[in-house]
Amino acid sequence: MRRFLAFMLLVAAGLYPNGCDRAKNQARVEDSPQTQQMITALRAAYAAFNRGDLDAALEPFDAQIEWSEPPEFGGGTSHGRDGVKQYLTQSRSAWLEGSSEPEQLIPVGTRIVVFVHARFRPKGSDSWRDVRLADVYTVRDGKALQMLAFTDRQAALRWARDER
């Protein structure tokens, strides 16, 4: 029986040689200096968005970024920095005042999940709106290639963990 178990372990190791390495590599990606640089860049992008500096807000994004918002936020997908800038300009133009603050940034493999607290007062309104959401950025070569916004933070984490 011991020989059979030992044999099965060797077979399993041969069939799945990268299983352990993949987990280690993913952990290294999450803890890498590049990931920390991207987290810093994303924090700066939210700060730039809040002060209305959209050119600075777009800095961490790849030139061909794909930006997707759920229907609750107006929905749709924007492509490229120009498309994202147009979307963000339109989004901010509906506010009389407000901010979009990153509360927590969570590296998950090649993605960074950002828990965001948006607090704003729409034009023509006396009341403030509080929204807690999550933005998930897919990163490669130090730039965000994709951003997908979620109204449900746990759904965002599940999606980010579903590495493709």
N, C-alpha and C. Protein backbone atom coordinates (compact mmCIF):
# COMPACT_ATOMS: atom_id res chain seq x y z
N MET A 1 0.82 -1.19 0.00
CA MET A 1 0.00 0.00 0.00
C MET A 1 0.87 1.27 0.00
N ARG A 2 1.95 1.24 0.82
CA ARG A 2 2.85 2.40 0.85
C ARG A 2 3.46 2.67 -0.51
N ARG A 3 3.86 1.60 -1.19
CA ARG A 3 4.45 1.77 -2.51
C ARG A 3 3.44 2.38 -3.47
N PHE A 4 2.19 1.94 -3.37
CA PHE A 4 1.15 2.47 -4.24
C PHE A 4 0.95 3.97 -3.97
N LEU A 5 0.88 4.36 -2.70
CA LEU A 5 0.71 5.78 -2.35
C LEU A 5 1.91 6.59 -2.82
N ALA A 6 3.10 6.06 -2.62
CA ALA A 6 4.30 6.76 -3.08
C ALA A 6 4.27 6.91 -4.59
N PHE A 7 3.88 5.84 -5.28
CA PHE A 7 3.76 5.89 -6.74
C PHE A 7 2.75 6.96 -7.16
N MET A 8 1.60 6.99 -6.49
CA MET A 8 0.56 7.96 -6.83
C MET A 8 1.05 9.39 -6.59
N LEU A 9 1.80 9.60 -5.54
CA LEU A 9 2.35 10.93 -5.28
C LEU A 9 3.32 11.34 -6.38
N LEU A 10 4.15 10.42 -6.82
CA LEU A 10 5.08 10.71 -7.90
C LEU A 10 4.33 11.00 -9.20
N VAL A 11 3.29 10.22 -9.47
CA VAL A 11 2.49 10.45 -10.68
C VAL A 11 1.83 11.82 -10.60
N ALA A 12 1.24 12.12 -9.45
CA ALA A 12 0.58 13.41 -9.28
C ALA A 12 1.57 14.55 -9.44
N ALA A 13 2.76 14.40 -8.88
CA ALA A 13 3.78 15.43 -9.01
C ALA A 13 4.19 15.59 -10.47
N GLY A 14 4.23 14.48 -11.20
CA GLY A 14 4.57 14.54 -12.61
C GLY A 14 3.48 15.17 -13.45
N LEU A 15 2.22 14.90 -13.10
CA LEU A 15 1.11 15.46 -13.87
C LEU A 15 0.89 16.93 -13.56
N TYR A 16 1.18 17.33 -12.35
CA TYR A 16 0.94 18.71 -11.93
C TYR A 16 2.22 19.33 -11.37
N PRO A 17 3.25 19.40 -12.17
CA PRO A 17 4.54 19.86 -11.66
C PRO A 17 4.54 21.32 -11.25
N ASN A 18 3.64 22.10 -11.81
CA ASN A 18 3.67 23.53 -11.53
C ASN A 18 2.65 23.97 -10.50
N GLY A 19 1.90 23.04 -9.97
CA GLY A 19 0.86 23.41 -9.01
C GLY A 19 1.39 24.21 -7.85
N CYS A 20 2.41 23.71 -7.18
CA CYS A 20 2.97 24.42 -6.04
C CYS A 20 3.70 25.67 -6.51
N ASP A 21 4.43 25.56 -7.61
CA ASP A 21 5.16 26.72 -8.12
C ASP A 21 4.20 27.85 -8.50
N ARG A 22 3.05 27.50 -9.09
CA ARG A 22 2.10 28.53 -9.49
C ARG A 22 1.62 29.31 -8.27
N ALA A 23 1.30 28.61 -7.19
CA ALA A 23 0.87 29.29 -5.97
C ALA A 23 1.98 30.19 -5.44
N LYS A 24 3.23 29.69 -5.45
CA LYS A 24 4.35 30.50 -5.00
C LYS A 24 4.54 31.71 -5.89
N ASN A 25 4.46 31.50 -7.22
CA ASN A 25 4.63 32.62 -8.15
C ASN A 25 3.55 33.65 -7.97
N GLN A 26 2.31 33.20 -7.78
CA GLN A 26 1.22 34.15 -7.59
C GLN A 26 1.47 34.96 -6.33
N ALA A 27 1.92 34.30 -5.26
CA ALA A 27 2.22 35.03 -4.03
C ALA A 27 3.32 36.04 -4.26
N ARG A 28 4.35 35.65 -5.04
CA ARG A 28 5.44 36.58 -5.33
C ARG A 28 4.93 37.77 -6.12
N VAL A 29 4.03 37.53 -7.08
CA VAL A 29 3.46 38.63 -7.86
C VAL A 29 2.73 39.60 -6.93
N GLU A 30 1.95 39.05 -5.99
CA GLU A 30 1.18 39.89 -5.08
C GLU A 30 2.09 40.73 -4.19
N ASP A 31 3.25 40.19 -3.80
CA ASP A 31 4.14 40.87 -2.88
C ASP A 31 5.28 41.61 -3.58
N SER A 32 5.24 41.66 -4.89
CA SER A 32 6.36 42.20 -5.64
C SER A 32 6.45 43.72 -5.54
N PRO A 33 7.64 44.26 -5.74
CA PRO A 33 7.79 45.71 -5.78
C PRO A 33 6.94 46.35 -6.89
N GLN A 34 6.78 45.63 -8.02
CA GLN A 34 5.95 46.17 -9.11
C GLN A 34 4.49 46.32 -8.67
N THR A 35 4.01 45.36 -7.90
CA THR A 35 2.64 45.45 -7.40
C THR A 35 2.51 46.62 -6.45
N GLN A 36 3.48 46.80 -5.59
CA GLN A 36 3.43 47.93 -4.66
C GLN A 36 3.50 49.26 -5.41
N GLN A 37 4.28 49.31 -6.49
CA GLN A 37 4.34 50.52 -7.32
C GLN A 37 2.98 50.78 -7.96
N MET A 38 2.32 49.72 -8.42
CA MET A 38 1.01 49.88 -9.04
C MET A 38 -0.02 50.34 -8.02
N ILE A 39 0.04 49.80 -6.81
CA ILE A 39 -0.87 50.24 -5.75
C ILE A 39 -0.68 51.73 -5.48
N THR A 40 0.57 52.16 -5.40
CA THR A 40 0.86 53.58 -5.20
C THR A 40 0.32 54.41 -6.36
N ALA A 41 0.51 53.92 -7.59
CA ALA A 41 0.02 54.64 -8.78
C ALA A 41 -1.51 54.73 -8.78
N LEU A 42 -2.17 53.65 -8.37
CA LEU A 42 -3.64 53.68 -8.33
C LEU A 42 -4.15 54.65 -7.27
N ARG A 43 -3.51 54.66 -6.10
CA ARG A 43 -3.89 55.64 -5.07
C ARG A 43 -3.75 57.06 -5.62
N ALA A 44 -2.66 57.32 -6.33
CA ALA A 44 -2.43 58.64 -6.91
C ALA A 44 -3.48 58.95 -7.98
N ALA A 45 -3.90 57.92 -8.72
CA ALA A 45 -4.92 58.13 -9.76
C ALA A 45 -6.26 58.54 -9.15
N TYR A 46 -6.65 57.90 -8.05
CA TYR A 46 -7.90 58.28 -7.38
C TYR A 46 -7.79 59.71 -6.83
N ALA A 47 -6.65 60.05 -6.26
CA ALA A 47 -6.45 61.41 -5.74
C ALA A 47 -6.53 62.43 -6.88
N ALA A 48 -5.92 62.10 -8.02
CA ALA A 48 -5.97 63.00 -9.18
C ALA A 48 -7.40 63.16 -9.68
N PHE A 49 -8.14 62.06 -9.74
CA PHE A 49 -9.55 62.12 -10.16
C PHE A 49 -10.33 63.04 -9.23
N ASN A 50 -10.09 62.92 -7.93
CA ASN A 50 -10.83 63.73 -6.95
C ASN A 50 -10.54 65.21 -7.08
N ARG A 51 -9.34 65.56 -7.51
CA ARG A 51 -9.02 66.99 -7.68
C ARG A 51 -9.30 67.47 -9.10
N GLY A 52 -9.81 66.57 -9.95
CA GLY A 52 -10.19 66.96 -11.31
C GLY A 52 -9.08 66.89 -12.33
N ASP A 53 -7.94 66.31 -11.99
CA ASP A 53 -6.81 66.19 -12.90
C ASP A 53 -6.88 64.84 -13.62
N LEU A 54 -7.70 64.77 -14.66
CA LEU A 54 -7.94 63.50 -15.32
C LEU A 54 -6.72 62.98 -16.08
N ASP A 55 -5.88 63.87 -16.59
CA ASP A 55 -4.66 63.40 -17.26
C ASP A 55 -3.78 62.62 -16.29
N ALA A 56 -3.62 63.12 -15.07
CA ALA A 56 -2.84 62.41 -14.06
C ALA A 56 -3.56 61.14 -13.62
N ALA A 57 -4.88 61.17 -13.57
CA ALA A 57 -5.65 59.99 -13.17
C ALA A 57 -5.46 58.84 -14.15
N LEU A 58 -5.21 59.16 -15.41
CA LEU A 58 -5.06 58.14 -16.45
C LEU A 58 -3.65 57.56 -16.54
N GLU A 59 -2.70 58.13 -15.81
CA GLU A 59 -1.30 57.74 -15.93
C GLU A 59 -1.03 56.24 -15.75
N PRO A 60 -1.65 55.56 -14.77
CA PRO A 60 -1.30 54.13 -14.59
C PRO A 60 -1.96 53.19 -15.59
N PHE A 61 -2.70 53.73 -16.56
CA PHE A 61 -3.45 52.88 -17.48
C PHE A 61 -2.72 52.70 -18.80
N ASP A 62 -2.80 51.49 -19.32
CA ASP A 62 -2.27 51.18 -20.64
C ASP A 62 -3.01 52.03 -21.68
N ALA A 63 -2.36 52.36 -22.77
CA ALA A 63 -2.99 53.17 -23.82
C ALA A 63 -4.26 52.51 -24.37
N GLN A 64 -4.33 51.19 -24.31
CA GLN A 64 -5.49 50.46 -24.85
C GLN A 64 -6.40 49.91 -23.75
N ILE A 65 -6.43 50.55 -22.60
CA ILE A 65 -7.22 50.04 -21.48
C ILE A 65 -8.69 49.82 -21.87
N GLU A 66 -9.26 48.79 -21.30
CA GLU A 66 -10.69 48.52 -21.44
C GLU A 66 -11.33 48.78 -20.09
N TRP A 67 -12.29 49.68 -20.03
CA TRP A 67 -12.89 50.17 -18.78
C TRP A 67 -14.38 49.84 -18.83
N SER A 68 -14.85 49.01 -17.90
CA SER A 68 -16.26 48.58 -17.92
C SER A 68 -16.96 48.94 -16.62
N GLU A 69 -18.11 49.54 -16.75
CA GLU A 69 -18.94 49.94 -15.62
C GLU A 69 -20.26 49.17 -15.65
N PRO A 70 -20.82 48.83 -14.48
CA PRO A 70 -22.10 48.12 -14.45
C PRO A 70 -23.26 49.06 -14.79
N PRO A 71 -24.41 48.50 -15.14
CA PRO A 71 -25.57 49.33 -15.49
C PRO A 71 -25.94 50.34 -14.40
N GLU A 72 -25.73 49.98 -13.13
CA GLU A 72 -26.08 50.88 -12.02
C GLU A 72 -25.27 52.17 -12.06
N PHE A 73 -24.13 52.16 -12.72
CA PHE A 73 -23.27 53.35 -12.81
C PHE A 73 -23.33 53.99 -14.19
N GLY A 74 -24.32 53.66 -14.96
CA GLY A 74 -24.41 54.20 -16.31
C GLY A 74 -24.01 53.19 -17.35
N GLY A 75 -23.32 52.17 -16.92
CA GLY A 75 -22.98 51.04 -17.77
C GLY A 75 -22.11 51.37 -18.96
N GLY A 76 -21.68 50.31 -19.60
CA GLY A 76 -20.92 50.45 -20.82
C GLY A 76 -19.43 50.21 -20.65
N THR A 77 -18.79 50.15 -21.79
CA THR A 77 -17.35 49.91 -21.83
C THR A 77 -16.69 51.01 -22.64
N SER A 78 -15.62 51.53 -22.09
CA SER A 78 -14.81 52.54 -22.77
C SER A 78 -13.48 51.91 -23.15
N HIS A 79 -12.95 52.35 -24.28
CA HIS A 79 -11.69 51.78 -24.77
C HIS A 79 -10.64 52.88 -24.93
N GLY A 80 -9.44 52.57 -24.48
CA GLY A 80 -8.32 53.51 -24.63
C GLY A 80 -8.42 54.65 -23.63
N ARG A 81 -7.29 55.31 -23.44
CA ARG A 81 -7.25 56.42 -22.49
C ARG A 81 -8.23 57.53 -22.85
N ASP A 82 -8.36 57.82 -24.14
CA ASP A 82 -9.29 58.88 -24.54
C ASP A 82 -10.73 58.52 -24.19
N GLY A 83 -11.10 57.27 -24.43
CA GLY A 83 -12.45 56.82 -24.09
C GLY A 83 -12.71 56.86 -22.60
N VAL A 84 -11.71 56.45 -21.82
CA VAL A 84 -11.85 56.48 -20.36
C VAL A 84 -11.92 57.92 -19.87
N LYS A 85 -11.11 58.79 -20.44
CA LYS A 85 -11.14 60.20 -20.04
C LYS A 85 -12.51 60.80 -20.32
N GLN A 86 -13.07 60.47 -21.47
CA GLN A 86 -14.41 60.97 -21.81
C GLN A 86 -15.44 60.46 -20.80
N TYR A 87 -15.36 59.17 -20.45
CA TYR A 87 -16.29 58.61 -19.47
C TYR A 87 -16.14 59.30 -18.11
N LEU A 88 -14.89 59.44 -17.64
CA LEU A 88 -14.66 60.05 -16.33
C LEU A 88 -15.09 61.51 -16.31
N THR A 89 -14.88 62.22 -17.40
CA THR A 89 -15.32 63.61 -17.50
C THR A 89 -16.84 63.68 -17.38
N GLN A 90 -17.52 62.82 -18.11
CA GLN A 90 -18.98 62.77 -18.06
C GLN A 90 -19.46 62.39 -16.66
N SER A 91 -18.81 61.44 -16.04
CA SER A 91 -19.17 60.99 -14.70
C SER A 91 -19.05 62.13 -13.69
N ARG A 92 -17.90 62.82 -13.72
CA ARG A 92 -17.67 63.94 -12.78
C ARG A 92 -18.60 65.12 -13.06
N SER A 93 -19.00 65.30 -14.30
CA SER A 93 -19.84 66.46 -14.63
C SER A 93 -21.22 66.39 -13.99
N ALA A 94 -21.64 65.21 -13.58
CA ALA A 94 -22.94 65.05 -12.92
C ALA A 94 -22.87 65.40 -11.43
N TRP A 95 -21.66 65.57 -10.90
CA TRP A 95 -21.49 65.88 -9.48
C TRP A 95 -21.40 67.39 -9.25
N LEU A 96 -22.01 67.85 -8.20
CA LEU A 96 -21.77 69.21 -7.74
C LEU A 96 -20.47 69.21 -6.94
N GLU A 97 -20.32 68.18 -6.12
CA GLU A 97 -19.09 67.97 -5.36
C GLU A 97 -19.04 66.51 -4.93
N GLY A 98 -17.83 66.05 -4.59
CA GLY A 98 -17.71 64.68 -4.13
C GLY A 98 -16.31 64.13 -4.27
N SER A 99 -16.18 62.84 -3.92
CA SER A 99 -14.90 62.17 -4.03
C SER A 99 -15.11 60.67 -4.17
N SER A 100 -14.07 60.03 -4.62
CA SER A 100 -14.05 58.58 -4.79
C SER A 100 -12.76 58.09 -4.12
N GLU A 101 -12.88 57.57 -2.91
CA GLU A 101 -11.72 57.25 -2.09
C GLU A 101 -11.45 55.74 -2.05
N PRO A 102 -10.22 55.34 -2.37
CA PRO A 102 -9.86 53.92 -2.21
C PRO A 102 -9.70 53.60 -0.73
N GLU A 103 -10.50 52.66 -0.23
CA GLU A 103 -10.42 52.28 1.18
C GLU A 103 -9.42 51.14 1.40
N GLN A 104 -9.35 50.23 0.45
CA GLN A 104 -8.46 49.09 0.58
C GLN A 104 -8.05 48.63 -0.82
N LEU A 105 -6.78 48.31 -1.00
CA LEU A 105 -6.27 47.78 -2.27
C LEU A 105 -5.73 46.39 -2.00
N ILE A 106 -6.26 45.41 -2.72
CA ILE A 106 -5.97 44.00 -2.45
C ILE A 106 -5.37 43.36 -3.69
N PRO A 107 -4.08 43.01 -3.67
CA PRO A 107 -3.49 42.31 -4.81
C PRO A 107 -3.96 40.86 -4.85
N VAL A 108 -4.38 40.43 -6.04
CA VAL A 108 -4.82 39.04 -6.26
C VAL A 108 -4.23 38.59 -7.59
N GLY A 109 -3.08 37.95 -7.54
CA GLY A 109 -2.44 37.50 -8.77
C GLY A 109 -2.06 38.69 -9.63
N THR A 110 -2.58 38.73 -10.85
CA THR A 110 -2.28 39.84 -11.78
C THR A 110 -3.31 40.96 -11.67
N ARG A 111 -4.14 40.89 -10.65
CA ARG A 111 -5.19 41.89 -10.49
C ARG A 111 -5.04 42.62 -9.16
N ILE A 112 -5.59 43.81 -9.12
CA ILE A 112 -5.67 44.57 -7.88
C ILE A 112 -7.12 44.98 -7.70
N VAL A 113 -7.70 44.55 -6.57
CA VAL A 113 -9.07 44.88 -6.23
C VAL A 113 -9.02 46.12 -5.35
N VAL A 114 -9.79 47.14 -5.71
CA VAL A 114 -9.84 48.37 -4.93
C VAL A 114 -11.25 48.54 -4.38
N PHE A 115 -11.36 48.51 -3.05
CA PHE A 115 -12.64 48.81 -2.41
C PHE A 115 -12.73 50.33 -2.35
N VAL A 116 -13.78 50.87 -2.96
CA VAL A 116 -13.92 52.31 -3.12
C VAL A 116 -15.15 52.80 -2.37
N HIS A 117 -15.01 53.95 -1.72
CA HIS A 117 -16.14 54.65 -1.12
C HIS A 117 -16.33 55.95 -1.89
N ALA A 118 -17.39 55.99 -2.67
CA ALA A 118 -17.71 57.21 -3.42
C ALA A 118 -18.78 57.97 -2.65
N ARG A 119 -18.51 59.23 -2.42
CA ARG A 119 -19.47 60.10 -1.73
C ARG A 119 -19.56 61.36 -2.56
N PHE A 120 -20.78 61.63 -3.03
CA PHE A 120 -20.94 62.78 -3.91
C PHE A 120 -22.34 63.37 -3.78
N ARG A 121 -22.45 64.62 -4.21
CA ARG A 121 -23.73 65.30 -4.25
C ARG A 121 -24.00 65.64 -5.71
N PRO A 122 -25.02 65.03 -6.29
CA PRO A 122 -25.33 65.31 -7.70
C PRO A 122 -25.77 66.75 -7.89
N LYS A 123 -25.54 67.27 -9.08
CA LYS A 123 -26.02 68.60 -9.42
C LYS A 123 -27.53 68.64 -9.27
N GLY A 124 -28.05 69.75 -8.75
CA GLY A 124 -29.48 69.90 -8.58
C GLY A 124 -30.05 69.17 -7.37
N SER A 125 -29.17 68.71 -6.48
CA SER A 125 -29.62 67.96 -5.30
C SER A 125 -28.98 68.52 -4.05
N ASP A 126 -29.72 68.45 -2.95
CA ASP A 126 -29.16 68.84 -1.66
C ASP A 126 -28.65 67.64 -0.87
N SER A 127 -28.94 66.44 -1.36
CA SER A 127 -28.56 65.25 -0.59
C SER A 127 -27.29 64.60 -1.16
N TRP A 128 -26.56 64.01 -0.25
CA TRP A 128 -25.33 63.29 -0.60
C TRP A 128 -25.66 61.83 -0.85
N ARG A 129 -24.89 61.22 -1.72
CA ARG A 129 -25.01 59.78 -1.98
C ARG A 129 -23.72 59.10 -1.57
N ASP A 130 -23.88 58.00 -0.88
CA ASP A 130 -22.75 57.17 -0.47
C ASP A 130 -22.84 55.85 -1.21
N VAL A 131 -21.77 55.48 -1.89
CA VAL A 131 -21.73 54.23 -2.63
C VAL A 131 -20.43 53.51 -2.28
N ARG A 132 -20.56 52.26 -1.93
CA ARG A 132 -19.37 51.43 -1.71
C ARG A 132 -19.33 50.40 -2.82
N LEU A 133 -18.22 50.36 -3.52
CA LEU A 133 -18.08 49.52 -4.69
C LEU A 133 -16.68 48.94 -4.75
N ALA A 134 -16.41 48.21 -5.80
CA ALA A 134 -15.06 47.68 -6.01
C ALA A 134 -14.68 47.84 -7.48
N ASP A 135 -13.46 48.28 -7.70
CA ASP A 135 -12.87 48.33 -9.03
C ASP A 135 -11.79 47.26 -9.08
N VAL A 136 -11.79 46.48 -10.15
CA VAL A 136 -10.76 45.44 -10.30
C VAL A 136 -9.91 45.79 -11.52
N TYR A 137 -8.62 45.96 -11.29
CA TYR A 137 -7.67 46.28 -12.35
C TYR A 137 -6.85 45.04 -12.68
N THR A 138 -6.75 44.73 -13.96
CA THR A 138 -5.85 43.68 -14.42
C THR A 138 -4.58 44.38 -14.90
N VAL A 139 -3.44 43.93 -14.39
CA VAL A 139 -2.18 44.63 -14.60
C VAL A 139 -1.19 43.74 -15.34
N ARG A 140 -0.48 44.37 -16.28
CA ARG A 140 0.63 43.70 -16.96
C ARG A 140 1.67 44.75 -17.32
N ASP A 141 2.92 44.41 -17.08
CA ASP A 141 4.04 45.29 -17.40
C ASP A 141 3.89 46.68 -16.77
N GLY A 142 3.37 46.71 -15.55
CA GLY A 142 3.28 47.96 -14.81
C GLY A 142 2.16 48.88 -15.21
N LYS A 143 1.22 48.42 -16.04
CA LYS A 143 0.08 49.25 -16.46
C LYS A 143 -1.22 48.47 -16.30
N ALA A 144 -2.29 49.19 -16.04
CA ALA A 144 -3.61 48.57 -15.96
C ALA A 144 -4.15 48.40 -17.37
N LEU A 145 -4.44 47.15 -17.74
CA LEU A 145 -4.97 46.83 -19.07
C LEU A 145 -6.49 46.85 -19.08
N GLN A 146 -7.08 46.58 -17.91
CA GLN A 146 -8.53 46.44 -17.82
C GLN A 146 -8.98 46.92 -16.45
N MET A 147 -10.16 47.55 -16.42
CA MET A 147 -10.81 47.89 -15.16
C MET A 147 -12.26 47.46 -15.28
N LEU A 148 -12.70 46.72 -14.29
CA LEU A 148 -14.07 46.26 -14.24
C LEU A 148 -14.63 46.67 -12.89
N ALA A 149 -15.71 47.46 -12.89
CA ALA A 149 -16.32 47.93 -11.64
C ALA A 149 -17.44 46.98 -11.22
N PHE A 150 -17.57 46.81 -9.92
CA PHE A 150 -18.58 45.94 -9.34
C PHE A 150 -19.35 46.69 -8.26
N THR A 151 -20.65 46.47 -8.19
CA THR A 151 -21.44 47.02 -7.10
C THR A 151 -21.32 46.16 -5.86
N ASP A 152 -20.93 44.91 -6.02
CA ASP A 152 -20.79 43.95 -4.92
C ASP A 152 -19.30 43.64 -4.73
N ARG A 153 -18.77 44.04 -3.60
CA ARG A 153 -17.34 43.86 -3.34
C ARG A 153 -16.92 42.39 -3.30
N GLN A 154 -17.75 41.55 -2.72
CA GLN A 154 -17.40 40.13 -2.65
C GLN A 154 -17.40 39.50 -4.04
N ALA A 155 -18.32 39.93 -4.90
CA ALA A 155 -18.33 39.44 -6.28
C ALA A 155 -17.05 39.86 -7.00
N ALA A 156 -16.56 41.05 -6.69
CA ALA A 156 -15.31 41.53 -7.29
C ALA A 156 -14.14 40.65 -6.87
N LEU A 157 -14.08 40.31 -5.59
CA LEU A 157 -13.00 39.43 -5.10
C LEU A 157 -13.08 38.06 -5.75
N ARG A 158 -14.30 37.51 -5.85
CA ARG A 158 -14.46 36.20 -6.49
C ARG A 158 -13.99 36.26 -7.94
N TRP A 159 -14.38 37.31 -8.66
CA TRP A 159 -13.99 37.45 -10.07
C TRP A 159 -12.47 37.58 -10.18
N ALA A 160 -11.86 38.38 -9.31
CA ALA A 160 -10.41 38.57 -9.37
C ALA A 160 -9.66 37.28 -9.12
N ARG A 161 -10.18 36.44 -8.27
CA ARG A 161 -9.52 35.17 -7.96
C ARG A 161 -9.67 34.15 -9.08
N ASP A 162 -10.61 34.39 -9.97
CA ASP A 162 -10.85 33.47 -11.10
C ASP A 162 -9.87 33.82 -12.21
N GLU A 163 -8.58 33.62 -11.94
CA GLU A 163 -7.49 33.91 -12.88
C GLU A 163 -7.73 33.16 -14.17
N ARG A 164 -7.65 33.85 -15.27
CA ARG A 164 -7.88 33.22 -16.58
C ARG A 164 -6.58 32.93 -17.25
